[in-house]
Amino acid sequence: MRHLTSFSGVLSKRVFPLVFYGFMGVAAIGGLLDGELLAHPASALGLALVVAVFYLFQKLLVQDTADEVLDCGSYLLVRRGRTKDRIELRDIVKVDASLHLSPPLMTLHLARPGKLGRLVTFIPAGERLNPLGEHPLAQELLRRAEAARGVA
C-alpha cells in the first residue's frame, strides 16, 4: 500500500487552524485587557473579519479533504474522520489537480457516489516538478482508471 496523501494535509486541517485561532484568541484577550478593542471598535471588527475569512477559507478548501488515501493496487482506501470508503479505480472518471493553490488539492470524480460523495478531494503527496503541467499522480491515477475500465 502506498500513501497518496501528504502529511501537510494534517498540518493544514488540524495544526495550522489551532495555532491561528490560538493567536487570534491571544490578540483578542490582549486587546480586551488593555482596552484597545473597546476603545477602537474597528479593531474588533477587523479581528472578527480576519477570523471569518480564515474560517471560510478552511471550510471551502481544506476541511472536507480526505485525511488519508491509500493506493491498494486496483482500488483506493479513503478515510475522512471516521468514515472509510473503498474506491475502485474503474469508478474514477476524472482526476483534477489544482495548479495554483497552497496546499495543492486533487479531486477524484467518481462515476457513482460513495460514502464520501461523488467528489473526493485530498492533498496529494509528492512535489510537482513542472508547476504549469499536470500533477504526475493525477496522470497516473487517470491512466490506471482508464486501464481498469478497459479504455484505450
N, C-alpha and C. Protein backbone atom coordinates (compact mmCIF):
# COMPACT_ATOMS: atom_id res chain seq x y z
N MET A 1 0.85 -1.19 0.00
CA MET A 1 0.00 0.00 0.00
C MET A 1 0.88 1.25 0.00
N ARG A 2 0.47 2.21 -0.78
CA ARG A 2 1.22 3.46 -0.91
C ARG A 2 0.33 4.61 -0.45
N HIS A 3 0.89 5.48 0.37
CA HIS A 3 0.17 6.66 0.83
C HIS A 3 0.16 7.70 -0.29
N LEU A 4 -1.04 8.15 -0.65
CA LEU A 4 -1.17 9.18 -1.68
C LEU A 4 -1.36 10.57 -1.08
N THR A 5 -1.63 10.63 0.22
CA THR A 5 -1.87 11.91 0.88
C THR A 5 -0.59 12.43 1.52
N SER A 6 -0.50 13.72 1.57
CA SER A 6 0.65 14.40 2.14
C SER A 6 0.45 14.65 3.63
N PHE A 7 1.55 14.66 4.37
CA PHE A 7 1.49 15.00 5.79
C PHE A 7 1.05 16.45 5.98
N SER A 8 1.26 17.29 4.98
CA SER A 8 0.84 18.69 5.08
C SER A 8 -0.68 18.81 5.20
N GLY A 9 -1.40 17.75 4.81
CA GLY A 9 -2.85 17.76 4.99
C GLY A 9 -3.22 17.81 6.46
N VAL A 10 -2.51 17.06 7.28
CA VAL A 10 -2.75 17.08 8.73
C VAL A 10 -2.42 18.46 9.27
N LEU A 11 -1.32 19.03 8.81
CA LEU A 11 -0.94 20.37 9.26
C LEU A 11 -1.99 21.40 8.84
N SER A 12 -2.47 21.31 7.60
CA SER A 12 -3.44 22.28 7.09
C SER A 12 -4.80 22.16 7.76
N LYS A 13 -5.21 20.93 8.09
CA LYS A 13 -6.54 20.71 8.66
C LYS A 13 -6.58 20.81 10.17
N ARG A 14 -5.51 20.43 10.84
CA ARG A 14 -5.55 20.32 12.30
C ARG A 14 -4.63 21.32 13.01
N VAL A 15 -3.36 21.35 12.64
CA VAL A 15 -2.37 22.12 13.39
C VAL A 15 -2.47 23.61 13.09
N PHE A 16 -2.46 23.98 11.81
CA PHE A 16 -2.47 25.40 11.45
C PHE A 16 -3.71 26.13 11.99
N PRO A 17 -4.94 25.58 11.86
CA PRO A 17 -6.08 26.29 12.44
C PRO A 17 -5.99 26.45 13.96
N LEU A 18 -5.48 25.44 14.63
CA LEU A 18 -5.33 25.52 16.08
C LEU A 18 -4.38 26.66 16.45
N VAL A 19 -3.25 26.75 15.75
CA VAL A 19 -2.29 27.82 16.01
C VAL A 19 -2.89 29.17 15.66
N PHE A 20 -3.55 29.26 14.51
CA PHE A 20 -4.14 30.53 14.08
C PHE A 20 -5.19 31.03 15.07
N TYR A 21 -6.14 30.16 15.43
CA TYR A 21 -7.18 30.58 16.38
C TYR A 21 -6.59 30.88 17.75
N GLY A 22 -5.53 30.20 18.11
CA GLY A 22 -4.84 30.50 19.38
C GLY A 22 -4.26 31.90 19.37
N PHE A 23 -3.57 32.26 18.27
CA PHE A 23 -3.01 33.60 18.15
C PHE A 23 -4.12 34.66 18.13
N MET A 24 -5.19 34.38 17.43
CA MET A 24 -6.30 35.34 17.38
C MET A 24 -6.95 35.50 18.76
N GLY A 25 -7.06 34.40 19.49
CA GLY A 25 -7.61 34.46 20.84
C GLY A 25 -6.72 35.28 21.77
N VAL A 26 -5.41 35.07 21.67
CA VAL A 26 -4.46 35.85 22.49
C VAL A 26 -4.55 37.32 22.12
N ALA A 27 -4.65 37.62 20.83
CA ALA A 27 -4.77 39.02 20.40
C ALA A 27 -6.06 39.64 20.92
N ALA A 28 -7.17 38.90 20.87
CA ALA A 28 -8.44 39.43 21.35
C ALA A 28 -8.40 39.65 22.86
N ILE A 29 -7.86 38.70 23.60
CA ILE A 29 -7.78 38.86 25.07
C ILE A 29 -6.86 40.01 25.43
N GLY A 30 -5.72 40.10 24.71
CA GLY A 30 -4.81 41.23 24.95
C GLY A 30 -5.46 42.56 24.65
N GLY A 31 -6.22 42.62 23.56
CA GLY A 31 -6.92 43.85 23.20
C GLY A 31 -8.01 44.22 24.19
N LEU A 32 -8.67 43.23 24.77
CA LEU A 32 -9.69 43.50 25.78
C LEU A 32 -9.06 43.96 27.09
N LEU A 33 -7.97 43.31 27.48
CA LEU A 33 -7.32 43.65 28.74
C LEU A 33 -6.72 45.05 28.74
N ASP A 34 -6.13 45.47 27.62
CA ASP A 34 -5.55 46.82 27.60
C ASP A 34 -6.54 47.87 27.11
N GLY A 35 -7.76 47.46 26.78
CA GLY A 35 -8.82 48.39 26.41
C GLY A 35 -8.82 48.83 24.96
N GLU A 36 -7.89 48.33 24.14
CA GLU A 36 -7.82 48.75 22.73
C GLU A 36 -9.06 48.34 21.94
N LEU A 37 -9.55 47.13 22.14
CA LEU A 37 -10.71 46.68 21.37
C LEU A 37 -11.97 47.46 21.75
N LEU A 38 -12.08 47.84 23.02
CA LEU A 38 -13.25 48.61 23.44
C LEU A 38 -13.13 50.07 22.99
N ALA A 39 -11.91 50.60 22.99
CA ALA A 39 -11.71 51.99 22.59
C ALA A 39 -11.81 52.16 21.07
N HIS A 40 -11.43 51.14 20.33
CA HIS A 40 -11.45 51.21 18.87
C HIS A 40 -12.25 50.02 18.32
N PRO A 41 -13.55 50.18 18.17
CA PRO A 41 -14.39 49.07 17.69
C PRO A 41 -13.98 48.57 16.30
N ALA A 42 -13.34 49.42 15.50
CA ALA A 42 -12.90 48.98 14.17
C ALA A 42 -11.85 47.89 14.29
N SER A 43 -11.04 47.92 15.35
CA SER A 43 -10.04 46.87 15.57
C SER A 43 -10.72 45.54 15.84
N ALA A 44 -11.77 45.57 16.64
CA ALA A 44 -12.52 44.34 16.93
C ALA A 44 -13.18 43.82 15.66
N LEU A 45 -13.71 44.73 14.85
CA LEU A 45 -14.33 44.34 13.59
C LEU A 45 -13.30 43.73 12.64
N GLY A 46 -12.12 44.34 12.58
CA GLY A 46 -11.03 43.81 11.74
C GLY A 46 -10.60 42.43 12.18
N LEU A 47 -10.47 42.23 13.48
CA LEU A 47 -10.09 40.92 14.02
C LEU A 47 -11.15 39.88 13.70
N ALA A 48 -12.41 40.26 13.86
CA ALA A 48 -13.52 39.34 13.54
C ALA A 48 -13.54 39.02 12.05
N LEU A 49 -13.24 40.00 11.20
CA LEU A 49 -13.23 39.79 9.76
C LEU A 49 -12.11 38.82 9.35
N VAL A 50 -10.93 38.98 9.96
CA VAL A 50 -9.81 38.08 9.66
C VAL A 50 -10.17 36.65 10.06
N VAL A 51 -10.77 36.47 11.23
CA VAL A 51 -11.17 35.14 11.68
C VAL A 51 -12.23 34.55 10.75
N ALA A 52 -13.19 35.36 10.33
CA ALA A 52 -14.26 34.88 9.44
C ALA A 52 -13.71 34.47 8.08
N VAL A 53 -12.81 35.25 7.52
CA VAL A 53 -12.22 34.91 6.22
C VAL A 53 -11.41 33.62 6.33
N PHE A 54 -10.64 33.48 7.40
CA PHE A 54 -9.86 32.25 7.60
C PHE A 54 -10.79 31.05 7.73
N TYR A 55 -11.86 31.20 8.48
CA TYR A 55 -12.82 30.11 8.66
C TYR A 55 -13.42 29.69 7.31
N LEU A 56 -13.83 30.66 6.51
CA LEU A 56 -14.40 30.35 5.19
C LEU A 56 -13.38 29.66 4.29
N PHE A 57 -12.14 30.14 4.31
CA PHE A 57 -11.09 29.51 3.52
C PHE A 57 -10.93 28.05 3.95
N GLN A 58 -10.85 27.81 5.24
CA GLN A 58 -10.71 26.44 5.75
C GLN A 58 -11.90 25.58 5.36
N LYS A 59 -13.09 26.11 5.52
CA LYS A 59 -14.32 25.35 5.24
C LYS A 59 -14.44 25.00 3.77
N LEU A 60 -14.15 25.96 2.90
CA LEU A 60 -14.32 25.74 1.46
C LEU A 60 -13.23 24.89 0.84
N LEU A 61 -11.99 25.07 1.27
CA LEU A 61 -10.89 24.43 0.58
C LEU A 61 -10.31 23.21 1.28
N VAL A 62 -10.18 23.24 2.58
CA VAL A 62 -9.38 22.23 3.25
C VAL A 62 -10.18 21.28 4.13
N GLN A 63 -11.22 21.75 4.78
CA GLN A 63 -11.88 20.95 5.81
C GLN A 63 -12.53 19.68 5.28
N ASP A 64 -13.01 19.68 4.06
CA ASP A 64 -13.68 18.50 3.52
C ASP A 64 -12.73 17.55 2.79
N THR A 65 -11.43 17.78 2.89
CA THR A 65 -10.49 16.89 2.22
C THR A 65 -10.34 15.59 3.00
N ALA A 66 -9.98 14.55 2.29
CA ALA A 66 -9.77 13.24 2.92
C ALA A 66 -8.53 13.30 3.80
N ASP A 67 -8.58 12.60 4.92
CA ASP A 67 -7.45 12.55 5.83
C ASP A 67 -6.37 11.60 5.33
N GLU A 68 -6.80 10.54 4.67
CA GLU A 68 -5.84 9.53 4.22
C GLU A 68 -6.37 8.85 2.96
N VAL A 69 -5.49 8.68 1.98
CA VAL A 69 -5.81 7.93 0.77
C VAL A 69 -4.68 6.93 0.57
N LEU A 70 -5.04 5.66 0.53
CA LEU A 70 -4.07 4.59 0.34
C LEU A 70 -4.31 3.92 -1.01
N ASP A 71 -3.25 3.73 -1.77
CA ASP A 71 -3.32 3.04 -3.05
C ASP A 71 -3.10 1.56 -2.80
N CYS A 72 -4.12 0.76 -3.07
CA CYS A 72 -4.06 -0.69 -2.82
C CYS A 72 -4.04 -1.48 -4.13
N GLY A 73 -3.56 -0.88 -5.19
CA GLY A 73 -3.49 -1.59 -6.46
C GLY A 73 -4.69 -1.30 -7.34
N SER A 74 -5.74 -2.11 -7.23
CA SER A 74 -6.92 -1.94 -8.07
C SER A 74 -7.98 -1.04 -7.42
N TYR A 75 -7.73 -0.58 -6.23
CA TYR A 75 -8.68 0.30 -5.54
C TYR A 75 -7.93 1.24 -4.59
N LEU A 76 -8.64 2.27 -4.14
CA LEU A 76 -8.10 3.22 -3.16
C LEU A 76 -8.91 3.09 -1.87
N LEU A 77 -8.23 3.12 -0.75
CA LEU A 77 -8.91 3.21 0.55
C LEU A 77 -8.84 4.66 0.99
N VAL A 78 -10.00 5.25 1.25
CA VAL A 78 -10.07 6.66 1.60
C VAL A 78 -10.71 6.79 2.98
N ARG A 79 -10.11 7.66 3.81
CA ARG A 79 -10.65 7.90 5.14
C ARG A 79 -10.76 9.40 5.36
N ARG A 80 -11.94 9.82 5.83
CA ARG A 80 -12.16 11.20 6.27
C ARG A 80 -12.86 11.10 7.60
N GLY A 81 -12.14 11.46 8.66
CA GLY A 81 -12.67 11.29 10.00
C GLY A 81 -12.84 9.81 10.30
N ARG A 82 -14.02 9.43 10.71
CA ARG A 82 -14.30 8.02 10.99
C ARG A 82 -14.91 7.28 9.81
N THR A 83 -15.17 8.01 8.73
CA THR A 83 -15.78 7.40 7.54
C THR A 83 -14.69 6.85 6.63
N LYS A 84 -14.82 5.58 6.29
CA LYS A 84 -13.88 4.94 5.36
C LYS A 84 -14.65 4.47 4.14
N ASP A 85 -13.99 4.55 2.98
CA ASP A 85 -14.62 4.11 1.74
C ASP A 85 -13.58 3.45 0.85
N ARG A 86 -14.05 2.50 0.10
CA ARG A 86 -13.21 1.81 -0.88
C ARG A 86 -13.65 2.29 -2.26
N ILE A 87 -12.70 2.85 -3.00
CA ILE A 87 -12.99 3.38 -4.34
C ILE A 87 -12.26 2.52 -5.35
N GLU A 88 -13.02 1.85 -6.18
CA GLU A 88 -12.42 1.05 -7.25
C GLU A 88 -11.86 2.01 -8.31
N LEU A 89 -10.70 1.69 -8.85
CA LEU A 89 -10.10 2.56 -9.87
C LEU A 89 -11.01 2.72 -11.08
N ARG A 90 -11.77 1.68 -11.42
CA ARG A 90 -12.65 1.77 -12.60
C ARG A 90 -13.77 2.79 -12.39
N ASP A 91 -14.05 3.18 -11.12
CA ASP A 91 -15.09 4.16 -10.83
C ASP A 91 -14.60 5.60 -10.93
N ILE A 92 -13.30 5.80 -11.12
CA ILE A 92 -12.76 7.15 -11.25
C ILE A 92 -12.91 7.59 -12.71
N VAL A 93 -13.66 8.67 -12.91
CA VAL A 93 -13.94 9.17 -14.25
C VAL A 93 -12.95 10.27 -14.64
N LYS A 94 -12.58 11.10 -13.67
CA LYS A 94 -11.73 12.26 -13.95
C LYS A 94 -10.91 12.55 -12.71
N VAL A 95 -9.71 13.08 -12.90
CA VAL A 95 -8.85 13.49 -11.80
C VAL A 95 -8.41 14.92 -12.07
N ASP A 96 -8.76 15.83 -11.15
CA ASP A 96 -8.35 17.23 -11.25
C ASP A 96 -7.30 17.51 -10.20
N ALA A 97 -6.28 18.27 -10.58
CA ALA A 97 -5.28 18.73 -9.63
C ALA A 97 -5.19 20.24 -9.73
N SER A 98 -5.24 20.91 -8.59
CA SER A 98 -5.16 22.37 -8.58
C SER A 98 -3.77 22.81 -9.02
N LEU A 99 -3.71 23.87 -9.77
CA LEU A 99 -2.42 24.37 -10.24
C LEU A 99 -1.82 25.43 -9.32
N HIS A 100 -2.67 26.23 -8.71
CA HIS A 100 -2.14 27.40 -8.01
C HIS A 100 -2.61 27.53 -6.57
N LEU A 101 -3.04 26.45 -5.95
CA LEU A 101 -3.45 26.51 -4.55
C LEU A 101 -2.34 26.03 -3.65
N SER A 102 -2.32 26.53 -2.45
CA SER A 102 -1.39 26.04 -1.45
C SER A 102 -2.17 25.78 -0.19
N PRO A 103 -2.32 24.58 0.25
CA PRO A 103 -1.74 23.36 -0.29
C PRO A 103 -2.46 22.93 -1.57
N PRO A 104 -1.74 22.22 -2.45
CA PRO A 104 -2.37 21.74 -3.68
C PRO A 104 -3.45 20.72 -3.36
N LEU A 105 -4.50 20.70 -4.16
CA LEU A 105 -5.59 19.76 -3.94
C LEU A 105 -5.78 18.89 -5.18
N MET A 106 -6.19 17.65 -4.94
CA MET A 106 -6.51 16.73 -6.02
C MET A 106 -7.92 16.23 -5.79
N THR A 107 -8.74 16.23 -6.84
CA THR A 107 -10.13 15.80 -6.72
C THR A 107 -10.38 14.63 -7.66
N LEU A 108 -10.95 13.58 -7.10
CA LEU A 108 -11.35 12.42 -7.87
C LEU A 108 -12.84 12.54 -8.17
N HIS A 109 -13.21 12.48 -9.43
CA HIS A 109 -14.61 12.49 -9.84
C HIS A 109 -15.02 11.04 -10.04
N LEU A 110 -16.05 10.61 -9.34
CA LEU A 110 -16.45 9.22 -9.36
C LEU A 110 -17.70 9.01 -10.20
N ALA A 111 -17.79 7.86 -10.83
CA ALA A 111 -18.95 7.52 -11.65
C ALA A 111 -20.19 7.35 -10.78
N ARG A 112 -20.01 6.77 -9.60
CA ARG A 112 -21.13 6.61 -8.64
C ARG A 112 -20.68 7.14 -7.29
N PRO A 113 -21.57 7.81 -6.62
CA PRO A 113 -21.19 8.35 -5.31
C PRO A 113 -20.93 7.23 -4.30
N GLY A 114 -19.93 7.44 -3.48
CA GLY A 114 -19.63 6.52 -2.40
C GLY A 114 -20.04 7.13 -1.07
N LYS A 115 -19.47 6.64 0.01
CA LYS A 115 -19.79 7.17 1.34
C LYS A 115 -19.36 8.62 1.49
N LEU A 116 -18.35 9.03 0.71
CA LEU A 116 -17.84 10.39 0.80
C LEU A 116 -18.35 11.28 -0.32
N GLY A 117 -19.29 10.77 -1.12
CA GLY A 117 -19.88 11.56 -2.19
C GLY A 117 -19.32 11.23 -3.55
N ARG A 118 -19.68 12.05 -4.53
CA ARG A 118 -19.24 11.84 -5.91
C ARG A 118 -17.86 12.44 -6.15
N LEU A 119 -17.47 13.41 -5.33
CA LEU A 119 -16.15 14.04 -5.43
C LEU A 119 -15.37 13.75 -4.16
N VAL A 120 -14.14 13.30 -4.32
CA VAL A 120 -13.26 13.04 -3.18
C VAL A 120 -12.01 13.88 -3.38
N THR A 121 -11.77 14.80 -2.46
CA THR A 121 -10.64 15.72 -2.56
C THR A 121 -9.62 15.39 -1.48
N PHE A 122 -8.34 15.47 -1.84
CA PHE A 122 -7.27 15.24 -0.86
C PHE A 122 -6.05 16.07 -1.23
N ILE A 123 -5.13 16.16 -0.29
CA ILE A 123 -3.87 16.87 -0.51
C ILE A 123 -2.84 15.83 -0.90
N PRO A 124 -2.38 15.83 -2.16
CA PRO A 124 -1.52 14.76 -2.65
C PRO A 124 -0.10 14.85 -2.12
N ALA A 125 0.52 13.69 -1.98
CA ALA A 125 1.93 13.62 -1.60
C ALA A 125 2.78 13.90 -2.83
N GLY A 126 4.01 14.28 -2.60
CA GLY A 126 4.95 14.49 -3.69
C GLY A 126 4.87 15.89 -4.25
N GLU A 127 5.93 16.26 -4.88
CA GLU A 127 6.03 17.58 -5.49
C GLU A 127 5.82 17.49 -6.98
N ARG A 128 5.21 18.50 -7.53
CA ARG A 128 5.02 18.59 -8.97
C ARG A 128 6.25 19.31 -9.53
N LEU A 129 6.98 18.66 -10.40
CA LEU A 129 8.21 19.25 -10.93
C LEU A 129 7.93 20.42 -11.86
N ASN A 130 6.90 20.33 -12.65
CA ASN A 130 6.52 21.39 -13.58
C ASN A 130 5.25 22.05 -13.05
N PRO A 131 5.35 23.24 -12.44
CA PRO A 131 4.17 23.86 -11.85
C PRO A 131 3.09 24.24 -12.87
N LEU A 132 3.44 24.29 -14.15
CA LEU A 132 2.45 24.61 -15.17
C LEU A 132 1.84 23.36 -15.80
N GLY A 133 2.43 22.20 -15.53
CA GLY A 133 1.93 20.96 -16.12
C GLY A 133 1.03 20.21 -15.16
N GLU A 134 0.60 19.05 -15.59
CA GLU A 134 -0.26 18.19 -14.78
C GLU A 134 0.53 17.59 -13.63
N HIS A 135 -0.16 17.30 -12.56
CA HIS A 135 0.46 16.60 -11.44
C HIS A 135 0.69 15.16 -11.87
N PRO A 136 1.89 14.61 -11.65
CA PRO A 136 2.17 13.24 -12.10
C PRO A 136 1.24 12.20 -11.47
N LEU A 137 0.83 12.42 -10.22
CA LEU A 137 -0.08 11.49 -9.56
C LEU A 137 -1.46 11.51 -10.23
N ALA A 138 -1.91 12.69 -10.64
CA ALA A 138 -3.20 12.79 -11.33
C ALA A 138 -3.15 12.04 -12.65
N GLN A 139 -2.07 12.21 -13.38
CA GLN A 139 -1.91 11.49 -14.65
C GLN A 139 -1.88 9.99 -14.42
N GLU A 140 -1.14 9.55 -13.41
CA GLU A 140 -1.04 8.12 -13.13
C GLU A 140 -2.39 7.53 -12.75
N LEU A 141 -3.12 8.20 -11.85
CA LEU A 141 -4.41 7.66 -11.42
C LEU A 141 -5.40 7.60 -12.58
N LEU A 142 -5.42 8.63 -13.41
CA LEU A 142 -6.34 8.63 -14.54
C LEU A 142 -5.98 7.53 -15.54
N ARG A 143 -4.69 7.35 -15.81
CA ARG A 143 -4.25 6.28 -16.72
C ARG A 143 -4.64 4.90 -16.17
N ARG A 144 -4.44 4.68 -14.88
CA ARG A 144 -4.78 3.40 -14.27
C ARG A 144 -6.29 3.19 -14.24
N ALA A 145 -7.06 4.27 -14.02
CA ALA A 145 -8.52 4.16 -14.02
C ALA A 145 -9.03 3.79 -15.41
N GLU A 146 -8.47 4.41 -16.43
CA GLU A 146 -8.87 4.09 -17.80
C GLU A 146 -8.51 2.64 -18.15
N ALA A 147 -7.35 2.19 -17.68
CA ALA A 147 -6.95 0.80 -17.93
C ALA A 147 -7.88 -0.16 -17.21
N ALA A 148 -8.32 0.19 -16.01
CA ALA A 148 -9.24 -0.67 -15.26
C ALA A 148 -10.61 -0.75 -15.93
N ARG A 149 -11.02 0.32 -16.61
CA ARG A 149 -12.28 0.32 -17.34
C ARG A 149 -12.14 -0.29 -18.73
N GLY A 150 -10.90 -0.51 -19.17
CA GLY A 150 -10.68 -1.07 -20.50
C GLY A 150 -10.72 -0.03 -21.59
N VAL A 151 -10.50 1.24 -21.23
CA VAL A 151 -10.49 2.32 -22.21
C VAL A 151 -9.09 2.40 -22.82
N ALA A 152 -9.02 2.50 -24.14
CA ALA A 152 -7.71 2.56 -24.81
C ALA A 152 -7.11 3.94 -24.71
